[in-house]
Amino acid sequence: MESKNLASEKVRLSRWQDRPSADDYIKALFTDFIELHGDKLSYDDKSIIGGVASFHGMSVTVIGQRKGHTIEESANVNFGMTNPEGYRKALRLMRQAEKFDRPIITFVDTPGAYPGVEAEEHGQGEAIARNLAIMSGLKVPIISIIIGQGNSGGALGICVADEIWMLENSVFSILSPEGFASILWKDSSRRDEACELMKLTAQDLYDYKIIDGIINEPKGGAHMNPEEVIAKLDEMLYERLNVLSILPKEVLIKNRYKKYRVM
């Protein structure tokens, strides 16, 4: 059982500005990465990075949510809050991955989908829902890794997977603790109390069988020794991709469906 203070500390670490981002992991884990842009409908949402890469000689599609390390970087990627165009870009890349039989790896890190009026006018809910529906039936292996915050439908839009893994100090929840406290108690200052009630830590979610595994971090968080975390991710991805890639496609889809029905 997580203590209130420990759960709150994990939320703090999941938001840490120096924490490795999707860009950092893509650069370290994959070779020959070719970034692809745009949703072929409107524009290129920079909060989503995605493209084709090589992983230990295997062609893969990689998609990640960007947060940025500085105020300027964060503003450029909308602080990791994806617009509908970003989810449509991700879906375009995932459909391409299925066409060319490439496994999909996603890195989740978002405070939530962008809640602005323009995003709603452009079909935010529909874009996320379509991703959930299509991802559930894709005939290629999908592994999602929550590397920081995994909040709300903003996370789920790229997180319907055969396996979900979390870094030790990442969180996965229906919304932010501040939002939870504001709704439940009309008092966002009770965020620490909300952190405990929400059961949003990797340890809680593994116990509840929501996620499939935890990647341990060095003391103080992933930013204290990124190379150590990258090495563990590399080992996990290599092992799990080799296991999932030999499953018949119909078994892959059946197991994924069962996973989310149980959840």
C-alpha atoms as a PDB file:
ATOM      1  CA  MET A   1       0.000   0.000   0.000  1.00  0.00           C
ATOM      2  CA  GLU A   2       1.377   3.401  -0.976  1.00  0.00           C
ATOM      3  CA  SER A   3       1.450   6.004   1.759  1.00  0.00           C
ATOM      4  CA  LYS A   4      -0.094   9.363   0.953  1.00  0.00           C
ATOM      5  CA  ASN A   5       3.277  11.068   0.937  1.00  0.00           C
ATOM      6  CA  LEU A   6       4.848   8.434  -1.312  1.00  0.00           C
ATOM      7  CA  ALA A   7       2.019   8.584  -3.859  1.00  0.00           C
ATOM      8  CA  SER A   8       2.238  12.367  -3.903  1.00  0.00           C
ATOM      9  CA  GLU A   9       6.013  12.197  -4.344  1.00  0.00           C
ATOM     10  CA  LYS A  10       5.592   9.933  -7.362  1.00  0.00           C
ATOM     11  CA  VAL A  11       3.211  12.450  -8.908  1.00  0.00           C
ATOM     12  CA  ARG A  12       5.827  15.154  -8.328  1.00  0.00           C
ATOM     13  CA  LEU A  13       8.573  13.067  -9.924  1.00  0.00           C
ATOM     14  CA  SER A  14       6.365  12.149 -12.894  1.00  0.00           C
ATOM     15  CA  ARG A  15       6.140  15.880 -13.695  1.00  0.00           C
ATOM     16  CA  TRP A  16       9.807  16.694 -13.099  1.00  0.00           C
ATOM     17  CA  GLN A  17      11.076  18.961 -15.865  1.00  0.00           C
ATOM     18  CA  ASP A  18      14.420  17.171 -16.236  1.00  0.00           C
ATOM     19  CA  ARG A  19      12.791  13.756 -16.514  1.00  0.00           C
ATOM     20  CA  PRO A  20      13.728  12.025 -19.824  1.00  0.00           C
ATOM     21  CA  SER A  21      11.125  12.681 -22.517  1.00  0.00           C
ATOM     22  CA  ALA A  22       9.847  10.648 -25.441  1.00  0.00           C
ATOM     23  CA  ASP A  23      12.423  12.361 -27.671  1.00  0.00           C
ATOM     24  CA  ASP A  24      15.218  11.250 -25.342  1.00  0.00           C
ATOM     25  CA  TYR A  25      14.091   7.622 -25.278  1.00  0.00           C
ATOM     26  CA  ILE A  26      13.580   7.468 -29.037  1.00  0.00           C
ATOM     27  CA  LYS A  27      17.046   8.859 -29.654  1.00  0.00           C
ATOM     28  CA  ALA A  28      18.671   6.423 -27.200  1.00  0.00           C
ATOM     29  CA  LEU A  29      16.754   3.228 -27.971  1.00  0.00           C
ATOM     30  CA  PHE A  30      16.294   3.279 -31.744  1.00  0.00           C
ATOM     31  CA  THR A  31      18.444   3.733 -34.813  1.00  0.00           C
ATOM     32  CA  ASP A  32      17.599   5.147 -38.239  1.00  0.00           C
ATOM     33  CA  PHE A  33      14.580   7.022 -36.865  1.00  0.00           C
ATOM     34  CA  ILE A  34      12.663   8.829 -39.603  1.00  0.00           C
ATOM     35  CA  GLU A  35      10.099  11.255 -38.198  1.00  0.00           C
ATOM     36  CA  LEU A  36       6.808  11.539 -40.084  1.00  0.00           C
ATOM     37  CA  HIS A  37       4.622  14.617 -39.855  1.00  0.00           C
ATOM     38  CA  GLY A  38       0.993  15.618 -40.068  1.00  0.00           C
ATOM     39  CA  ASP A  39      -2.412  13.950 -40.031  1.00  0.00           C
ATOM     40  CA  LYS A  40      -2.997  14.472 -43.793  1.00  0.00           C
ATOM     41  CA  LEU A  41      -6.080  16.515 -42.898  1.00  0.00           C
ATOM     42  CA  SER A  42      -5.033  19.683 -41.132  1.00  0.00           C
ATOM     43  CA  TYR A  43      -1.614  20.291 -39.566  1.00  0.00           C
ATOM     44  CA  ASP A  44       1.291  18.719 -37.689  1.00  0.00           C
ATOM     45  CA  ASP A  45       0.643  18.579 -33.934  1.00  0.00           C
ATOM     46  CA  LYS A  46       4.106  18.850 -32.382  1.00  0.00           C
ATOM     47  CA  SER A  47       2.966  17.300 -29.099  1.00  0.00           C
ATOM     48  CA  ILE A  48       3.150  13.942 -30.886  1.00  0.00           C
ATOM     49  CA  ILE A  49       6.427  12.661 -32.283  1.00  0.00           C
ATOM     50  CA  GLY A  50       6.293   9.565 -34.433  1.00  0.00           C
ATOM     51  CA  GLY A  51       7.932   7.701 -37.236  1.00  0.00           C
ATOM     52  CA  VAL A  52       9.716   4.586 -38.418  1.00  0.00           C
ATOM     53  CA  ALA A  53      12.851   3.239 -36.746  1.00  0.00           C
ATOM     54  CA  SER A  54      15.012   0.172 -36.269  1.00  0.00           C
ATOM     55  CA  PHE A  55      15.229  -1.700 -32.979  1.00  0.00           C
ATOM     56  CA  HIS A  56      17.886  -4.427 -32.842  1.00  0.00           C
ATOM     57  CA  GLY A  57      17.404  -4.947 -36.578  1.00  0.00           C
ATOM     58  CA  MET A  58      13.592  -4.996 -36.354  1.00  0.00           C
ATOM     59  CA  SER A  59      11.562  -2.331 -38.161  1.00  0.00           C
ATOM     60  CA  VAL A  60       9.144  -0.654 -35.745  1.00  0.00           C
ATOM     61  CA  THR A  61       6.814   2.329 -35.567  1.00  0.00           C
ATOM     62  CA  VAL A  62       7.475   4.606 -32.604  1.00  0.00           C
ATOM     63  CA  ILE A  63       5.057   7.223 -31.263  1.00  0.00           C
ATOM     64  CA  GLY A  64       5.486   9.449 -28.224  1.00  0.00           C
ATOM     65  CA  GLN A  65       3.981  12.413 -26.417  1.00  0.00           C
ATOM     66  CA  ARG A  66       6.356  15.332 -25.938  1.00  0.00           C
ATOM     67  CA  LYS A  67       6.556  17.504 -22.831  1.00  0.00           C
ATOM     68  CA  GLY A  68       9.757  19.538 -23.314  1.00  0.00           C
ATOM     69  CA  HIS A  69      12.471  20.347 -20.767  1.00  0.00           C
ATOM     70  CA  THR A  70      12.311  24.156 -20.837  1.00  0.00           C
ATOM     71  CA  ILE A  71       9.448  26.632 -20.891  1.00  0.00           C
ATOM     72  CA  GLU A  72      10.160  27.365 -24.554  1.00  0.00           C
ATOM     73  CA  GLU A  73      10.224  23.678 -25.508  1.00  0.00           C
ATOM     74  CA  SER A  74       7.096  22.947 -23.493  1.00  0.00           C
ATOM     75  CA  ALA A  75       5.176  25.818 -25.062  1.00  0.00           C
ATOM     76  CA  ASN A  76       6.211  24.611 -28.529  1.00  0.00           C
ATOM     77  CA  VAL A  77       4.643  21.201 -27.874  1.00  0.00           C
ATOM     78  CA  ASN A  78       1.605  22.559 -25.986  1.00  0.00           C
ATOM     79  CA  PHE A  79       2.943  21.147 -22.684  1.00  0.00           C
ATOM     80  CA  GLY A  80       2.214  17.618 -23.861  1.00  0.00           C
ATOM     81  CA  MET A  81      -1.526  18.257 -24.333  1.00  0.00           C
ATOM     82  CA  THR A  82      -2.407  16.650 -27.646  1.00  0.00           C
ATOM     83  CA  ASN A  83      -4.958  18.074 -30.064  1.00  0.00           C
ATOM     84  CA  PRO A  84      -7.214  15.914 -32.258  1.00  0.00           C
ATOM     85  CA  GLU A  85      -4.763  16.399 -35.118  1.00  0.00           C
ATOM     86  CA  GLY A  86      -2.091  14.711 -32.983  1.00  0.00           C
ATOM     87  CA  TYR A  87      -4.260  11.673 -32.326  1.00  0.00           C
ATOM     88  CA  ARG A  88      -5.064  11.480 -36.026  1.00  0.00           C
ATOM     89  CA  LYS A  89      -1.357  11.655 -36.851  1.00  0.00           C
ATOM     90  CA  ALA A  90      -0.704   8.823 -34.400  1.00  0.00           C
ATOM     91  CA  LEU A  91      -3.506   6.758 -35.944  1.00  0.00           C
ATOM     92  CA  ARG A  92      -2.138   7.349 -39.445  1.00  0.00           C
ATOM     93  CA  LEU A  93       1.236   6.009 -38.339  1.00  0.00           C
ATOM     94  CA  MET A  94      -0.333   3.019 -36.599  1.00  0.00           C
ATOM     95  CA  ARG A  95      -2.354   2.082 -39.665  1.00  0.00           C
ATOM     96  CA  GLN A  96       0.807   2.354 -41.727  1.00  0.00           C
ATOM     97  CA  ALA A  97       2.549   0.074 -39.199  1.00  0.00           C
ATOM     98  CA  GLU A  98      -0.160  -2.543 -39.649  1.00  0.00           C
ATOM     99  CA  LYS A  99       0.090  -2.302 -43.433  1.00  0.00           C
ATOM    100  CA  PHE A 100       3.828  -3.027 -43.332  1.00  0.00           C
ATOM    101  CA  ASP A 101       3.647  -5.461 -40.388  1.00  0.00           C
ATOM    102  CA  ARG A 102       5.688  -3.324 -37.992  1.00  0.00           C
ATOM    103  CA  PRO A 103       5.257  -3.568 -34.199  1.00  0.00           C
ATOM    104  CA  ILE A 104       4.155  -0.332 -32.506  1.00  0.00           C
ATOM    105  CA  ILE A 105       5.815   1.194 -29.435  1.00  0.00           C
ATOM    106  CA  THR A 106       4.260   4.228 -27.741  1.00  0.00           C
ATOM    107  CA  PHE A 107       5.654   6.482 -25.020  1.00  0.00           C
ATOM    108  CA  VAL A 108       2.901   8.068 -22.940  1.00  0.00           C
ATOM    109  CA  ASP A 109       3.472  11.353 -21.101  1.00  0.00           C
ATOM    110  CA  THR A 110       0.614  13.835 -20.916  1.00  0.00           C
ATOM    111  CA  PRO A 111      -1.319  15.829 -18.315  1.00  0.00           C
ATOM    112  CA  GLY A 112      -4.345  15.166 -20.518  1.00  0.00           C
ATOM    113  CA  ALA A 113      -5.680  15.911 -23.987  1.00  0.00           C
ATOM    114  CA  TYR A 114      -5.916  19.605 -24.815  1.00  0.00           C
ATOM    115  CA  PRO A 115      -9.280  20.851 -23.424  1.00  0.00           C
ATOM    116  CA  GLY A 116      -9.584  24.055 -25.489  1.00  0.00           C
ATOM    117  CA  VAL A 117     -12.663  25.091 -27.445  1.00  0.00           C
ATOM    118  CA  GLU A 118     -10.842  24.720 -30.772  1.00  0.00           C
ATOM    119  CA  ALA A 119      -9.849  21.133 -29.927  1.00  0.00           C
ATOM    120  CA  GLU A 120     -13.463  20.307 -29.143  1.00  0.00           C
ATOM    121  CA  GLU A 121     -14.618  21.966 -32.376  1.00  0.00           C
ATOM    122  CA  HIS A 122     -12.100  19.848 -34.289  1.00  0.00           C
ATOM    123  CA  GLY A 123     -13.434  16.608 -32.783  1.00  0.00           C
ATOM    124  CA  GLN A 124     -11.256  15.837 -29.774  1.00  0.00           C
ATOM    125  CA  GLY A 125     -13.587  13.196 -28.346  1.00  0.00           C
ATOM    126  CA  GLU A 126     -14.120  11.542 -31.727  1.00  0.00           C
ATOM    127  CA  ALA A 127     -10.392  11.436 -32.464  1.00  0.00           C
ATOM    128  CA  ILE A 128      -9.581   9.728 -29.160  1.00  0.00           C
ATOM    129  CA  ALA A 129     -12.513   7.317 -29.466  1.00  0.00           C
ATOM    130  CA  ARG A 130     -11.499   6.360 -32.994  1.00  0.00           C
ATOM    131  CA  ASN A 131      -7.958   5.595 -31.788  1.00  0.00           C
ATOM    132  CA  LEU A 132      -9.309   3.357 -29.030  1.00  0.00           C
ATOM    133  CA  ALA A 133     -11.475   1.457 -31.510  1.00  0.00           C
ATOM    134  CA  ILE A 134      -8.828   1.051 -34.203  1.00  0.00           C
ATOM    135  CA  MET A 135      -5.964   0.198 -31.833  1.00  0.00           C
ATOM    136  CA  SER A 136      -8.029  -2.586 -30.261  1.00  0.00           C
ATOM    137  CA  GLY A 137      -8.061  -4.420 -33.585  1.00  0.00           C
ATOM    138  CA  LEU A 138      -4.636  -3.696 -35.088  1.00  0.00           C
ATOM    139  CA  LYS A 139      -2.954  -6.909 -36.222  1.00  0.00           C
ATOM    140  CA  VAL A 140       0.534  -6.032 -34.985  1.00  0.00           C
ATOM    141  CA  PRO A 141       2.065  -6.090 -31.486  1.00  0.00           C
ATOM    142  CA  ILE A 142       1.615  -2.888 -29.458  1.00  0.00           C
ATOM    143  CA  ILE A 143       3.611  -2.011 -26.338  1.00  0.00           C
ATOM    144  CA  SER A 144       2.873   1.189 -24.439  1.00  0.00           C
ATOM    145  CA  ILE A 145       5.242   2.647 -21.848  1.00  0.00           C
ATOM    146  CA  ILE A 146       4.099   5.353 -19.446  1.00  0.00           C
ATOM    147  CA  ILE A 147       7.208   7.433 -18.836  1.00  0.00           C
ATOM    148  CA  GLY A 148       5.728  10.340 -16.863  1.00  0.00           C
ATOM    149  CA  GLN A 149       2.099  11.358 -16.566  1.00  0.00           C
ATOM    150  CA  GLY A 150      -0.605   9.229 -18.140  1.00  0.00           C
ATOM    151  CA  ASN A 151      -3.744  11.216 -17.485  1.00  0.00           C
ATOM    152  CA  SER A 152      -7.245  10.736 -18.823  1.00  0.00           C
ATOM    153  CA  GLY A 153      -8.265   9.998 -22.403  1.00  0.00           C
ATOM    154  CA  GLY A 154      -5.227  11.975 -23.449  1.00  0.00           C
ATOM    155  CA  ALA A 155      -3.133   8.975 -22.459  1.00  0.00           C
ATOM    156  CA  LEU A 156      -5.573   6.314 -23.638  1.00  0.00           C
ATOM    157  CA  GLY A 157      -5.517   7.735 -27.162  1.00  0.00           C
ATOM    158  CA  ILE A 158      -2.145   6.040 -27.756  1.00  0.00           C
ATOM    159  CA  CYS A 159      -2.277   3.451 -24.974  1.00  0.00           C
ATOM    160  CA  VAL A 160      -4.515   0.568 -26.093  1.00  0.00           C
ATOM    161  CA  ALA A 161      -1.825  -2.092 -26.177  1.00  0.00           C
ATOM    162  CA  ASP A 162      -1.009  -5.755 -25.765  1.00  0.00           C
ATOM    163  CA  GLU A 163       1.199  -4.763 -22.839  1.00  0.00           C
ATOM    164  CA  ILE A 164       1.395  -1.584 -20.768  1.00  0.00           C
ATOM    165  CA  TRP A 165       4.550  -0.895 -18.767  1.00  0.00           C
ATOM    166  CA  MET A 166       5.223   1.973 -16.399  1.00  0.00           C
ATOM    167  CA  LEU A 167       8.359   3.590 -15.117  1.00  0.00           C
ATOM    168  CA  GLU A 168       8.494   3.320 -11.334  1.00  0.00           C
ATOM    169  CA  ASN A 169       7.754   7.011 -10.743  1.00  0.00           C
ATOM    170  CA  SER A 170       5.171   7.504 -13.461  1.00  0.00           C
ATOM    171  CA  VAL A 171       1.407   7.730 -12.879  1.00  0.00           C
ATOM    172  CA  PHE A 172      -1.676   6.540 -14.780  1.00  0.00           C
ATOM    173  CA  SER A 173      -5.072   7.937 -13.855  1.00  0.00           C
ATOM    174  CA  ILE A 174      -8.468   9.200 -14.983  1.00  0.00           C
ATOM    175  CA  LEU A 175      -7.397  12.832 -14.441  1.00  0.00           C
ATOM    176  CA  SER A 176      -4.930  14.896 -12.430  1.00  0.00           C
ATOM    177  CA  PRO A 177      -5.043  14.764  -8.604  1.00  0.00           C
ATOM    178  CA  GLU A 178      -5.871  18.487  -8.591  1.00  0.00           C
ATOM    179  CA  GLY A 179      -8.819  17.883 -10.902  1.00  0.00           C
ATOM    180  CA  PHE A 180      -9.968  14.919  -8.823  1.00  0.00           C
ATOM    181  CA  ALA A 181      -9.843  16.981  -5.609  1.00  0.00           C
ATOM    182  CA  SER A 182     -11.670  19.885  -7.272  1.00  0.00           C
ATOM    183  CA  ILE A 183     -14.513  17.610  -8.378  1.00  0.00           C
ATOM    184  CA  LEU A 184     -14.795  15.517  -5.213  1.00  0.00           C
ATOM    185  CA  TRP A 185     -14.168  18.142  -2.533  1.00  0.00           C
ATOM    186  CA  LYS A 186     -14.292  21.448  -4.453  1.00  0.00           C
ATOM    187  CA  ASP A 187     -10.766  22.002  -3.108  1.00  0.00           C
ATOM    188  CA  SER A 188      -7.731  21.424  -5.338  1.00  0.00           C
ATOM    189  CA  SER A 189      -5.376  21.923  -2.377  1.00  0.00           C
ATOM    190  CA  ARG A 190      -6.303  18.418  -1.184  1.00  0.00           C
ATOM    191  CA  ARG A 191      -4.248  16.949  -4.043  1.00  0.00           C
ATOM    192  CA  ASP A 192      -2.066  14.827  -1.713  1.00  0.00           C
ATOM    193  CA  GLU A 193      -5.180  13.171  -0.308  1.00  0.00           C
ATOM    194  CA  ALA A 194      -6.414  12.586  -3.840  1.00  0.00           C
ATOM    195  CA  CYS A 195      -3.116  10.947  -4.832  1.00  0.00           C
ATOM    196  CA  GLU A 196      -3.691   8.255  -2.212  1.00  0.00           C
ATOM    197  CA  LEU A 197      -7.339   7.637  -3.083  1.00  0.00           C
ATOM    198  CA  MET A 198      -6.810   7.457  -6.835  1.00  0.00           C
ATOM    199  CA  LYS A 199      -4.398   4.483  -6.753  1.00  0.00           C
ATOM    200  CA  LEU A 200      -2.443   5.978  -9.626  1.00  0.00           C
ATOM    201  CA  THR A 201       1.063   4.673  -8.946  1.00  0.00           C
ATOM    202  CA  ALA A 202       2.759   1.924 -10.933  1.00  0.00           C
ATOM    203  CA  GLN A 203       2.767  -0.309  -7.854  1.00  0.00           C
ATOM    204  CA  ASP A 204      -0.982   0.109  -7.275  1.00  0.00           C
ATOM    205  CA  LEU A 205      -1.815  -0.511 -10.918  1.00  0.00           C
ATOM    206  CA  TYR A 206       0.395  -3.578 -11.143  1.00  0.00           C
ATOM    207  CA  ASP A 207      -1.344  -5.025  -8.070  1.00  0.00           C
ATOM    208  CA  TYR A 208      -4.712  -4.385  -9.735  1.00  0.00           C
ATOM    209  CA  LYS A 209      -3.429  -6.038 -12.947  1.00  0.00           C
ATOM    210  CA  ILE A 210      -4.021  -2.875 -14.988  1.00  0.00           C
ATOM    211  CA  ILE A 211      -0.408  -2.831 -16.195  1.00  0.00           C
ATOM    212  CA  ASP A 212       1.966  -5.637 -17.123  1.00  0.00           C
ATOM    213  CA  GLY A 213       5.231  -4.524 -15.564  1.00  0.00           C
ATOM    214  CA  ILE A 214       7.289  -1.836 -13.855  1.00  0.00           C
ATOM    215  CA  ILE A 215      10.670  -0.459 -14.903  1.00  0.00           C
ATOM    216  CA  ASN A 216      12.625   0.474 -11.774  1.00  0.00           C
ATOM    217  CA  GLU A 217      14.240   3.898 -11.611  1.00  0.00           C
ATOM    218  CA  PRO A 218      17.358   5.061  -9.751  1.00  0.00           C
ATOM    219  CA  LYS A 219      16.869   6.776  -6.408  1.00  0.00           C
ATOM    220  CA  GLY A 220      15.572  10.284  -7.028  1.00  0.00           C
ATOM    221  CA  GLY A 221      13.985   9.491 -10.382  1.00  0.00           C
ATOM    222  CA  ALA A 222      14.851   8.580 -13.968  1.00  0.00           C
ATOM    223  CA  HIS A 223      16.616  11.905 -14.557  1.00  0.00           C
ATOM    224  CA  MET A 224      19.295  10.953 -11.999  1.00  0.00           C
ATOM    225  CA  ASN A 225      20.626   8.173 -14.263  1.00  0.00           C
ATOM    226  CA  PRO A 226      18.849   8.043 -17.641  1.00  0.00           C
ATOM    227  CA  GLU A 227      21.322   5.485 -19.030  1.00  0.00           C
ATOM    228  CA  GLU A 228      20.255   2.961 -16.383  1.00  0.00           C
ATOM    229  CA  VAL A 229      16.576   3.363 -17.262  1.00  0.00           C
ATOM    230  CA  ILE A 230      17.288   3.208 -20.995  1.00  0.00           C
ATOM    231  CA  ALA A 231      19.195  -0.064 -20.547  1.00  0.00           C
ATOM    232  CA  LYS A 232      16.251  -1.587 -18.670  1.00  0.00           C
ATOM    233  CA  LEU A 233      13.778  -0.399 -21.294  1.00  0.00           C
ATOM    234  CA  ASP A 234      15.961  -1.820 -24.050  1.00  0.00           C
ATOM    235  CA  GLU A 235      16.043  -5.227 -22.357  1.00  0.00           C
ATOM    236  CA  MET A 236      12.299  -5.254 -21.708  1.00  0.00           C
ATOM    237  CA  LEU A 237      11.354  -4.173 -25.229  1.00  0.00           C
ATOM    238  CA  TYR A 238      13.664  -6.703 -26.848  1.00  0.00           C
ATOM    239  CA  GLU A 239      12.224  -9.556 -24.776  1.00  0.00           C
ATOM    240  CA  ARG A 240       8.544  -8.605 -25.064  1.00  0.00           C
ATOM    241  CA  LEU A 241       8.638  -7.779 -28.780  1.00  0.00           C
ATOM    242  CA  ASN A 242      10.181 -11.161 -29.517  1.00  0.00           C
ATOM    243  CA  VAL A 243       7.424 -12.872 -27.520  1.00  0.00           C
ATOM    244  CA  LEU A 244       4.542 -10.892 -29.018  1.00  0.00           C
ATOM    245  CA  SER A 245       5.838 -10.998 -32.590  1.00  0.00           C
ATOM    246  CA  ILE A 246       5.532 -14.788 -32.864  1.00  0.00           C
ATOM    247  CA  LEU A 247       1.887 -14.887 -31.770  1.00  0.00           C
ATOM    248  CA  PRO A 248      -0.664 -15.488 -34.545  1.00  0.00           C
ATOM    249  CA  LYS A 249      -2.517 -12.266 -35.358  1.00  0.00           C
ATOM    250  CA  GLU A 250      -5.881 -13.637 -34.299  1.00  0.00           C
ATOM    251  CA  VAL A 251      -4.439 -14.642 -30.917  1.00  0.00           C
ATOM    252  CA  LEU A 252      -2.887 -11.212 -30.502  1.00  0.00           C
ATOM    253  CA  ILE A 253      -6.231  -9.462 -31.045  1.00  0.00           C
ATOM    254  CA  LYS A 254      -8.151 -11.957 -28.892  1.00  0.00           C
ATOM    255  CA  ASN A 255      -5.734 -11.513 -25.984  1.00  0.00           C
ATOM    256  CA  ARG A 256      -5.861  -7.712 -26.304  1.00  0.00           C
ATOM    257  CA  TYR A 257      -9.651  -7.736 -26.279  1.00  0.00           C
ATOM    258  CA  LYS A 258      -9.703  -9.996 -23.228  1.00  0.00           C
ATOM    259  CA  LYS A 259      -7.192  -7.772 -21.432  1.00  0.00           C
ATOM    260  CA  TYR A 260      -9.392  -4.694 -21.727  1.00  0.00           C
ATOM    261  CA  ARG A 261     -12.634  -6.516 -20.971  1.00  0.00           C
ATOM    262  CA  VAL A 262     -11.110  -7.749 -17.718  1.00  0.00           C
ATOM    263  CA  MET A 263      -9.763  -4.282 -16.969  1.00  0.00           C
END
